[in-house]
Protein backbone atom coordinates (compact mmCIF):
# COMPACT_ATOMS: atom_id res chain seq x y z
CA UNK A 1 5.28 14.90 -11.95
CA UNK A 2 4.29 12.73 -9.03
CA UNK A 3 6.76 10.57 -7.16
CA UNK A 4 5.80 7.89 -4.66
CA UNK A 5 8.31 6.26 -2.34
CA UNK A 6 7.48 3.23 -0.24
CA UNK A 7 9.40 2.04 2.80
CA UNK A 8 9.04 -0.32 5.73
CA UNK A 9 9.42 -3.69 4.07
CA UNK A 10 11.77 -6.39 5.24
CA UNK A 11 12.13 -9.92 6.53
CA UNK A 12 9.67 -10.93 9.22
CA UNK A 13 8.67 -14.19 10.86
CA UNK A 14 5.18 -15.66 10.41
CA UNK A 15 2.79 -14.00 12.82
CA UNK A 16 4.82 -10.81 12.88
CA UNK A 17 3.84 -7.29 11.91
CA UNK A 18 5.08 -4.53 9.66
CA UNK A 19 4.08 -0.96 8.93
CA UNK A 20 4.57 0.18 5.37
CA UNK A 21 4.75 3.84 4.48
CA UNK A 22 4.29 5.70 1.22
CA UNK A 23 5.15 9.34 0.74
CA UNK A 24 4.21 11.29 -2.33
CA UNK A 25 5.94 14.36 -3.66
CA UNK A 26 5.93 16.60 -6.67
CA UNK A 27 3.00 18.32 -8.35
CA UNK A 28 0.19 16.22 -6.91
CA UNK A 29 -3.27 16.84 -8.32
CA UNK A 30 -6.45 16.26 -6.39
CA UNK A 31 -6.39 12.71 -5.05
CA UNK A 32 -9.25 10.35 -5.65
CA UNK A 33 -7.77 7.62 -3.54
CA UNK A 34 -4.51 5.97 -2.51
CA UNK A 35 -4.05 2.26 -2.33
CA UNK A 36 -1.71 -0.61 -1.59
CA UNK A 37 -1.17 -3.53 -3.95
CA UNK A 38 0.67 -6.81 -3.53
CA UNK A 39 2.52 -8.78 -6.17
CA UNK A 40 3.83 -12.21 -5.36
CA UNK A 41 6.47 -13.95 -7.44
CA UNK A 42 4.98 -14.87 -10.80
CA UNK A 43 1.61 -13.41 -9.86
CA UNK A 44 -0.43 -10.44 -10.98
CA UNK A 45 -0.55 -7.32 -8.92
CA UNK A 46 -3.61 -7.39 -6.66
CA UNK A 47 -5.40 -4.67 -4.75
CA UNK A 48 -5.19 -5.04 -0.98
CA UNK A 49 -6.68 -1.85 0.39
CA UNK A 50 -7.51 1.68 -0.61
CA UNK A 51 -8.49 4.87 1.15
CA UNK A 52 -10.35 7.76 -0.38
CA UNK A 53 -9.52 11.37 0.13
CA UNK A 54 -12.61 11.40 2.35
CA UNK A 55 -11.12 8.63 4.49
CA UNK A 56 -13.43 5.85 3.35
CA UNK A 57 -11.58 2.52 3.22
CA UNK A 58 -12.03 -0.68 1.25
CA UNK A 59 -10.22 -3.98 1.72
CA UNK A 60 -9.92 -7.16 -0.23
CA UNK A 61 -11.48 -10.12 1.55
CA UNK A 62 -8.08 -11.76 1.90
CA UNK A 63 -6.74 -9.04 4.22
CA UNK A 64 -9.78 -7.88 6.16
CA UNK A 65 -9.04 -7.93 9.86
CA UNK A 66 -5.26 -8.18 9.37
CA UNK A 67 -4.37 -5.09 7.33
CA UNK A 68 -5.23 -1.51 8.11
CA UNK A 69 -4.78 1.37 5.69
CA UNK A 70 -4.51 4.89 7.04
CA UNK A 71 -3.43 8.30 5.86
CA UNK A 72 -2.37 11.38 7.69
CA UNK A 73 -3.44 14.91 7.12
CA UNK A 74 -0.38 15.68 5.05
CA UNK A 75 -1.12 15.25 1.40
CA UNK A 76 -0.24 11.95 -0.31
CA UNK A 77 0.97 9.99 2.71
CA UNK A 78 -0.51 6.56 3.22
CA UNK A 79 0.36 3.67 5.52
CA UNK A 80 -0.40 -0.01 5.70
CA UNK A 81 -0.30 -1.83 9.02
CA UNK A 82 0.13 -5.53 8.39
CA UNK A 83 -0.48 -7.97 11.25
CA UNK A 84 -0.42 -11.74 11.58
CA UNK A 85 1.82 -12.07 8.55
CA UNK A 86 1.71 -15.31 6.60
CA UNK A 87 4.25 -16.76 4.15
CA UNK A 88 1.80 -16.05 1.31
CA UNK A 89 2.04 -12.34 2.14
CA UNK A 90 5.56 -12.41 0.75
CA UNK A 91 6.04 -10.20 -2.26
CA UNK A 92 6.43 -6.62 -3.37
CA UNK A 93 4.03 -4.05 -1.97
CA UNK A 94 3.25 -1.10 -4.20
CA UNK A 95 1.71 2.22 -3.36
CA UNK A 96 -0.77 3.67 -5.84
CA UNK A 97 -2.16 7.17 -6.18
CA UNK A 98 -5.29 7.60 -8.31
CA UNK A 99 -6.17 11.14 -9.27
CA UNK A 100 -9.64 12.55 -8.89
CA UNK A 101 -10.31 14.41 -12.15
CA UNK A 102 -8.35 12.54 -14.82
CA UNK A 103 -8.20 9.11 -13.22
CA UNK A 104 -4.46 8.87 -13.66
CA UNK A 105 -2.50 6.27 -11.76
CA UNK A 106 0.94 6.74 -10.24
CA UNK A 107 3.04 3.99 -8.72
CA UNK A 108 5.96 3.70 -6.37
CA UNK A 109 8.90 1.40 -6.95
CA UNK A 110 7.65 -1.08 -4.37
CA UNK A 111 8.97 -2.43 -1.09
CA UNK A 112 9.80 -6.10 -0.57
CA UNK A 113 8.19 -8.05 2.25
CA UNK A 114 9.44 -11.54 3.00
CA UNK A 115 7.67 -13.70 5.56
CA UNK A 116 9.79 -16.64 6.57
CA UNK A 117 11.01 -18.44 9.65
């Protein structure tokens, strides 16, 4: 069983920055990619950024230039640096792990980010 735990959310003023972290544990199969999603109030969950096990990154157009996804060499650890935060960035940020062979998806419980003055 795979567990993902996010951290790093909080209340921040517009223009501020946050660094979100996600740590995986348990019996983790080969990773295809890890990703960060955002879900605003009453909205669908949307993909923000993902990083392959080979380090290749992809971003949604809405966050290019402001968000940076990275991972460290330890297995199943992924980070999201968020800069120039806007009120519309408010919501729950979820970590996702997508496995390589079976294409299974695992999710964390989410971390709340609130951007407000």
